[in-house]
Amino acid sequence: MAGVPITGLQAAALIAYLLSWVAFAIAAVLGMYVRGQQRRAASGTIGMPVIAGTLLQWAAFAAIMLTLPTGPLRPSPLESTAGLVLAPLAVAVFVWAQQFSAPPGTIDALVTGGAYRWLRHPIYLAFLMMLLATAFVASTGPKMLAAIGLFLVGSEVRIATEEAELLARYPEEFPKYRQRTKWRYLPGLR
């Protein structure tokens, strides 16, 4: 298969995937800059659950990257299509969430608009979609299940910590928001 050229669909999926990661990175850096300009950090420390959850999320991506085949990637037409759809959609969700992550001119407010109206943690959905796009473009097949499991466990650990902090910071607002916005980051499931 080394001498077989990639198809147009495979090329489109790979290009869309790579451009999506570039857009994701730019949006993340811009988001950090804007948030840094608009508000102070809620607390000066990062707890062990957040570090552990983040490491599990990174391990999910590493599980895919470390099992890549040698030679060019050759996702099937279905995998190419999934990657072609999921990667740009992940960027759209991420940018949408970033737009509403800190209302202009506020220092400390519970964000409940935009993507946060539908999901309490839309950025985790964006990262999950990029993980899936990575798995499809890399054509990992069943190996993707382990990566998804690692990511979901890491996300749940981080969300539990974040929601405890939100409850402490917004004891009246957050329970109402949580009741109104039932889904954490998986629409229809949680």
C-alpha atoms as a PDB file:
ATOM      1  CA  MET A   1       0.000   0.000   0.000  1.00  0.00           C
ATOM      2  CA  ALA A   2       2.999   2.287   0.305  1.00  0.00           C
ATOM      3  CA  GLY A   3       2.911   3.072  -3.425  1.00  0.00           C
ATOM      4  CA  VAL A   4      -0.858   3.619  -3.584  1.00  0.00           C
ATOM      5  CA  PRO A   5      -1.743   7.321  -3.734  1.00  0.00           C
ATOM      6  CA  ILE A   6      -4.190   8.691  -1.221  1.00  0.00           C
ATOM      7  CA  THR A   7      -7.694   9.462  -2.418  1.00  0.00           C
ATOM      8  CA  GLY A   8      -9.185  12.925  -2.659  1.00  0.00           C
ATOM      9  CA  LEU A   9     -11.405  12.195   0.339  1.00  0.00           C
ATOM     10  CA  GLN A  10      -8.426  11.033   2.401  1.00  0.00           C
ATOM     11  CA  ALA A  11      -6.457  14.142   1.419  1.00  0.00           C
ATOM     12  CA  ALA A  12      -9.416  16.411   2.268  1.00  0.00           C
ATOM     13  CA  ALA A  13      -9.836  14.721   5.645  1.00  0.00           C
ATOM     14  CA  LEU A  14      -6.147  15.005   6.497  1.00  0.00           C
ATOM     15  CA  ILE A  15      -5.988  18.668   5.427  1.00  0.00           C
ATOM     16  CA  ALA A  16      -9.199  19.542   7.308  1.00  0.00           C
ATOM     17  CA  TYR A  17      -7.888  17.704  10.356  1.00  0.00           C
ATOM     18  CA  LEU A  18      -4.528  19.519  10.354  1.00  0.00           C
ATOM     19  CA  LEU A  19      -6.111  22.928   9.697  1.00  0.00           C
ATOM     20  CA  SER A  20      -8.586  22.263  12.487  1.00  0.00           C
ATOM     21  CA  TRP A  21      -5.758  21.666  14.958  1.00  0.00           C
ATOM     22  CA  VAL A  22      -4.124  24.921  13.840  1.00  0.00           C
ATOM     23  CA  ALA A  23      -7.435  26.783  14.285  1.00  0.00           C
ATOM     24  CA  PHE A  24      -7.955  25.060  17.641  1.00  0.00           C
ATOM     25  CA  ALA A  25      -4.513  26.189  18.827  1.00  0.00           C
ATOM     26  CA  ILE A  26      -5.024  29.768  17.642  1.00  0.00           C
ATOM     27  CA  ALA A  27      -8.443  29.949  19.322  1.00  0.00           C
ATOM     28  CA  ALA A  28      -6.996  28.527  22.552  1.00  0.00           C
ATOM     29  CA  VAL A  29      -4.127  31.028  22.649  1.00  0.00           C
ATOM     30  CA  LEU A  30      -6.434  33.948  21.839  1.00  0.00           C
ATOM     31  CA  GLY A  31      -8.913  32.739  24.455  1.00  0.00           C
ATOM     32  CA  MET A  32      -6.212  32.542  27.114  1.00  0.00           C
ATOM     33  CA  TYR A  33      -5.033  36.047  26.211  1.00  0.00           C
ATOM     34  CA  VAL A  34      -8.541  37.540  26.344  1.00  0.00           C
ATOM     35  CA  ARG A  35      -9.418  35.802  29.613  1.00  0.00           C
ATOM     36  CA  GLY A  36      -6.093  36.900  31.082  1.00  0.00           C
ATOM     37  CA  GLN A  37      -6.951  40.474  30.198  1.00  0.00           C
ATOM     38  CA  GLN A  38     -10.539  40.313  31.505  1.00  0.00           C
ATOM     39  CA  ARG A  39     -10.333  38.511  34.842  1.00  0.00           C
ATOM     40  CA  ARG A  40      -8.046  37.276  37.515  1.00  0.00           C
ATOM     41  CA  ALA A  41      -7.602  33.592  38.279  1.00  0.00           C
ATOM     42  CA  ALA A  42     -10.187  32.230  40.714  1.00  0.00           C
ATOM     43  CA  SER A  43      -7.502  30.520  42.735  1.00  0.00           C
ATOM     44  CA  GLY A  44      -3.762  30.503  42.452  1.00  0.00           C
ATOM     45  CA  THR A  45      -3.378  26.730  42.604  1.00  0.00           C
ATOM     46  CA  ILE A  46      -4.273  23.733  40.511  1.00  0.00           C
ATOM     47  CA  GLY A  47      -5.318  20.701  42.543  1.00  0.00           C
ATOM     48  CA  MET A  48      -4.250  17.101  42.091  1.00  0.00           C
ATOM     49  CA  PRO A  49      -7.625  15.978  40.632  1.00  0.00           C
ATOM     50  CA  VAL A  50      -7.279  18.541  37.835  1.00  0.00           C
ATOM     51  CA  ILE A  51      -3.698  17.462  37.151  1.00  0.00           C
ATOM     52  CA  ALA A  52      -4.693  13.768  37.186  1.00  0.00           C
ATOM     53  CA  GLY A  53      -7.688  14.404  34.924  1.00  0.00           C
ATOM     54  CA  THR A  54      -5.568  16.400  32.494  1.00  0.00           C
ATOM     55  CA  LEU A  55      -2.927  13.662  32.384  1.00  0.00           C
ATOM     56  CA  LEU A  56      -5.623  11.083  31.602  1.00  0.00           C
ATOM     57  CA  GLN A  57      -6.961  13.289  28.802  1.00  0.00           C
ATOM     58  CA  TRP A  58      -3.455  13.657  27.363  1.00  0.00           C
ATOM     59  CA  ALA A  59      -2.945   9.913  27.707  1.00  0.00           C
ATOM     60  CA  ALA A  60      -6.025   9.420  25.527  1.00  0.00           C
ATOM     61  CA  PHE A  61      -4.382  11.325  22.671  1.00  0.00           C
ATOM     62  CA  ALA A  62      -1.059   9.590  23.339  1.00  0.00           C
ATOM     63  CA  ALA A  63      -2.790   6.189  23.145  1.00  0.00           C
ATOM     64  CA  ILE A  64      -3.759   7.007  19.573  1.00  0.00           C
ATOM     65  CA  MET A  65      -0.529   8.695  18.557  1.00  0.00           C
ATOM     66  CA  LEU A  66       1.653   5.884  19.917  1.00  0.00           C
ATOM     67  CA  THR A  67      -0.244   3.272  17.899  1.00  0.00           C
ATOM     68  CA  LEU A  68      -0.023   5.002  14.533  1.00  0.00           C
ATOM     69  CA  PRO A  69       0.957   2.717  11.688  1.00  0.00           C
ATOM     70  CA  THR A  70       4.198   3.320   9.828  1.00  0.00           C
ATOM     71  CA  GLY A  71       3.840   5.013   6.472  1.00  0.00           C
ATOM     72  CA  PRO A  72       1.090   7.288   5.258  1.00  0.00           C
ATOM     73  CA  LEU A  73      -2.292   7.350   6.973  1.00  0.00           C
ATOM     74  CA  ARG A  74      -4.996   5.683   4.903  1.00  0.00           C
ATOM     75  CA  PRO A  75      -8.353   6.077   6.633  1.00  0.00           C
ATOM     76  CA  SER A  76     -11.304   4.321   5.024  1.00  0.00           C
ATOM     77  CA  PRO A  77     -13.947   6.456   3.272  1.00  0.00           C
ATOM     78  CA  LEU A  78     -16.136   6.283   6.406  1.00  0.00           C
ATOM     79  CA  GLU A  79     -13.228   7.234   8.691  1.00  0.00           C
ATOM     80  CA  SER A  80     -12.199  10.035   6.314  1.00  0.00           C
ATOM     81  CA  THR A  81     -15.731  11.406   6.269  1.00  0.00           C
ATOM     82  CA  ALA A  82     -15.982  11.229  10.061  1.00  0.00           C
ATOM     83  CA  GLY A  83     -12.678  13.086  10.444  1.00  0.00           C
ATOM     84  CA  LEU A  84     -13.686  15.618   7.808  1.00  0.00           C
ATOM     85  CA  VAL A  85     -16.879  16.406   9.729  1.00  0.00           C
ATOM     86  CA  LEU A  86     -15.720  16.068  13.345  1.00  0.00           C
ATOM     87  CA  ALA A  87     -12.518  18.144  13.272  1.00  0.00           C
ATOM     88  CA  PRO A  88     -14.046  21.387  11.947  1.00  0.00           C
ATOM     89  CA  LEU A  89     -17.135  20.841  14.107  1.00  0.00           C
ATOM     90  CA  ALA A  90     -14.883  20.511  17.168  1.00  0.00           C
ATOM     91  CA  VAL A  91     -13.260  23.841  16.319  1.00  0.00           C
ATOM     92  CA  ALA A  92     -16.690  25.459  15.905  1.00  0.00           C
ATOM     93  CA  VAL A  93     -17.843  24.203  19.324  1.00  0.00           C
ATOM     94  CA  PHE A  94     -14.554  25.281  20.919  1.00  0.00           C
ATOM     95  CA  VAL A  95     -14.699  28.792  19.430  1.00  0.00           C
ATOM     96  CA  TRP A  96     -18.390  29.106  20.374  1.00  0.00           C
ATOM     97  CA  ALA A  97     -17.568  28.153  23.961  1.00  0.00           C
ATOM     98  CA  GLN A  98     -14.562  30.495  24.038  1.00  0.00           C
ATOM     99  CA  GLN A  99     -16.717  33.415  22.892  1.00  0.00           C
ATOM    100  CA  PHE A 100     -18.931  33.045  25.927  1.00  0.00           C
ATOM    101  CA  SER A 101     -16.361  31.929  28.489  1.00  0.00           C
ATOM    102  CA  ALA A 102     -16.064  35.414  29.956  1.00  0.00           C
ATOM    103  CA  PRO A 103     -18.629  38.112  29.252  1.00  0.00           C
ATOM    104  CA  PRO A 104     -16.889  41.342  28.165  1.00  0.00           C
ATOM    105  CA  GLY A 105     -16.187  43.668  31.067  1.00  0.00           C
ATOM    106  CA  THR A 106     -16.837  41.090  33.786  1.00  0.00           C
ATOM    107  CA  ILE A 107     -14.344  39.988  36.347  1.00  0.00           C
ATOM    108  CA  ASP A 108     -16.208  37.197  38.054  1.00  0.00           C
ATOM    109  CA  ALA A 109     -19.461  35.831  36.642  1.00  0.00           C
ATOM    110  CA  LEU A 110     -21.012  32.418  36.101  1.00  0.00           C
ATOM    111  CA  VAL A 111     -21.152  31.881  32.342  1.00  0.00           C
ATOM    112  CA  THR A 112     -24.522  30.540  31.193  1.00  0.00           C
ATOM    113  CA  GLY A 113     -24.903  31.846  27.631  1.00  0.00           C
ATOM    114  CA  GLY A 114     -23.952  30.588  24.200  1.00  0.00           C
ATOM    115  CA  ALA A 115     -22.696  27.017  24.235  1.00  0.00           C
ATOM    116  CA  TYR A 116     -22.974  27.069  28.030  1.00  0.00           C
ATOM    117  CA  ARG A 117     -26.718  27.387  27.679  1.00  0.00           C
ATOM    118  CA  TRP A 118     -26.826  23.842  26.294  1.00  0.00           C
ATOM    119  CA  LEU A 119     -23.832  22.180  27.979  1.00  0.00           C
ATOM    120  CA  ARG A 120     -22.112  22.984  31.257  1.00  0.00           C
ATOM    121  CA  HIS A 121     -18.696  22.032  29.853  1.00  0.00           C
ATOM    122  CA  PRO A 122     -18.770  22.451  26.048  1.00  0.00           C
ATOM    123  CA  ILE A 123     -14.995  22.661  25.748  1.00  0.00           C
ATOM    124  CA  TYR A 124     -14.752  19.020  26.854  1.00  0.00           C
ATOM    125  CA  LEU A 125     -17.122  18.104  24.012  1.00  0.00           C
ATOM    126  CA  ALA A 126     -14.860  19.971  21.575  1.00  0.00           C
ATOM    127  CA  PHE A 127     -11.804  18.050  22.798  1.00  0.00           C
ATOM    128  CA  LEU A 128     -13.713  14.748  22.653  1.00  0.00           C
ATOM    129  CA  MET A 129     -14.665  15.472  19.041  1.00  0.00           C
ATOM    130  CA  MET A 130     -11.007  16.215  18.209  1.00  0.00           C
ATOM    131  CA  LEU A 131      -9.993  12.974  19.897  1.00  0.00           C
ATOM    132  CA  LEU A 132     -12.523  11.099  17.762  1.00  0.00           C
ATOM    133  CA  ALA A 133     -11.372  12.938  14.625  1.00  0.00           C
ATOM    134  CA  THR A 134      -7.796  11.956  15.475  1.00  0.00           C
ATOM    135  CA  ALA A 135      -8.820   8.323  15.946  1.00  0.00           C
ATOM    136  CA  PHE A 136     -10.714   8.251  12.656  1.00  0.00           C
ATOM    137  CA  VAL A 137      -8.035   9.999  10.601  1.00  0.00           C
ATOM    138  CA  ALA A 138      -5.409   7.720  12.142  1.00  0.00           C
ATOM    139  CA  SER A 139      -7.665   4.741  11.413  1.00  0.00           C
ATOM    140  CA  THR A 140      -7.169   3.270  14.862  1.00  0.00           C
ATOM    141  CA  GLY A 141     -10.246   1.038  14.837  1.00  0.00           C
ATOM    142  CA  PRO A 142     -11.008  -0.683  18.155  1.00  0.00           C
ATOM    143  CA  LYS A 143      -7.937   0.899  19.803  1.00  0.00           C
ATOM    144  CA  MET A 144      -9.959   4.099  19.899  1.00  0.00           C
ATOM    145  CA  LEU A 145     -12.122   2.651  22.699  1.00  0.00           C
ATOM    146  CA  ALA A 146      -9.250   2.737  25.196  1.00  0.00           C
ATOM    147  CA  ALA A 147      -8.477   6.333  24.247  1.00  0.00           C
ATOM    148  CA  ILE A 148     -12.124   7.342  24.628  1.00  0.00           C
ATOM    149  CA  GLY A 149     -12.263   5.617  28.018  1.00  0.00           C
ATOM    150  CA  LEU A 150      -9.162   7.459  29.248  1.00  0.00           C
ATOM    151  CA  PHE A 151     -10.540  10.764  28.017  1.00  0.00           C
ATOM    152  CA  LEU A 152     -13.953  10.261  29.632  1.00  0.00           C
ATOM    153  CA  VAL A 153     -12.445   9.282  32.992  1.00  0.00           C
ATOM    154  CA  GLY A 154     -10.090  12.273  32.891  1.00  0.00           C
ATOM    155  CA  SER A 155     -12.943  14.603  31.966  1.00  0.00           C
ATOM    156  CA  GLU A 156     -15.168  13.294  34.747  1.00  0.00           C
ATOM    157  CA  VAL A 157     -12.384  13.829  37.303  1.00  0.00           C
ATOM    158  CA  ARG A 158     -11.814  17.392  36.126  1.00  0.00           C
ATOM    159  CA  ILE A 159     -15.519  18.216  35.912  1.00  0.00           C
ATOM    160  CA  ALA A 160     -16.190  16.951  39.430  1.00  0.00           C
ATOM    161  CA  THR A 161     -13.509  19.306  40.730  1.00  0.00           C
ATOM    162  CA  GLU A 162     -14.643  22.233  38.579  1.00  0.00           C
ATOM    163  CA  GLU A 163     -18.283  21.840  39.573  1.00  0.00           C
ATOM    164  CA  ALA A 164     -17.372  21.704  43.270  1.00  0.00           C
ATOM    165  CA  GLU A 165     -15.464  24.967  42.806  1.00  0.00           C
ATOM    166  CA  LEU A 166     -18.379  26.524  40.906  1.00  0.00           C
ATOM    167  CA  LEU A 167     -20.771  25.504  43.654  1.00  0.00           C
ATOM    168  CA  ALA A 168     -18.510  27.095  46.270  1.00  0.00           C
ATOM    169  CA  ARG A 169     -18.131  30.307  44.240  1.00  0.00           C
ATOM    170  CA  TYR A 170     -21.778  30.581  43.187  1.00  0.00           C
ATOM    171  CA  PRO A 171     -23.819  28.822  45.897  1.00  0.00           C
ATOM    172  CA  GLU A 172     -27.118  30.294  44.701  1.00  0.00           C
ATOM    173  CA  GLU A 173     -26.583  30.567  40.931  1.00  0.00           C
ATOM    174  CA  PHE A 174     -24.813  27.299  40.125  1.00  0.00           C
ATOM    175  CA  PRO A 175     -27.482  24.870  41.440  1.00  0.00           C
ATOM    176  CA  LYS A 176     -30.107  26.711  39.355  1.00  0.00           C
ATOM    177  CA  TYR A 177     -27.837  26.634  36.311  1.00  0.00           C
ATOM    178  CA  ARG A 178     -27.069  22.926  36.840  1.00  0.00           C
ATOM    179  CA  GLN A 179     -30.789  22.174  37.054  1.00  0.00           C
ATOM    180  CA  ARG A 180     -31.523  24.175  33.884  1.00  0.00           C
ATOM    181  CA  THR A 181     -28.532  22.815  31.955  1.00  0.00           C
ATOM    182  CA  LYS A 182     -28.670  19.092  32.666  1.00  0.00           C
ATOM    183  CA  TRP A 183     -25.949  17.918  30.284  1.00  0.00           C
ATOM    184  CA  ARG A 184     -22.325  18.179  31.299  1.00  0.00           C
ATOM    185  CA  TYR A 185     -20.616  17.770  27.915  1.00  0.00           C
ATOM    186  CA  LEU A 186     -22.308  14.856  26.167  1.00  0.00           C
ATOM    187  CA  PRO A 187     -25.628  16.071  24.723  1.00  0.00           C
ATOM    188  CA  GLY A 188     -28.462  13.758  25.605  1.00  0.00           C
ATOM    189  CA  LEU A 189     -26.361  11.546  27.866  1.00  0.00           C
ATOM    190  CA  ARG A 190     -25.428  13.597  30.939  1.00  0.00           C
END
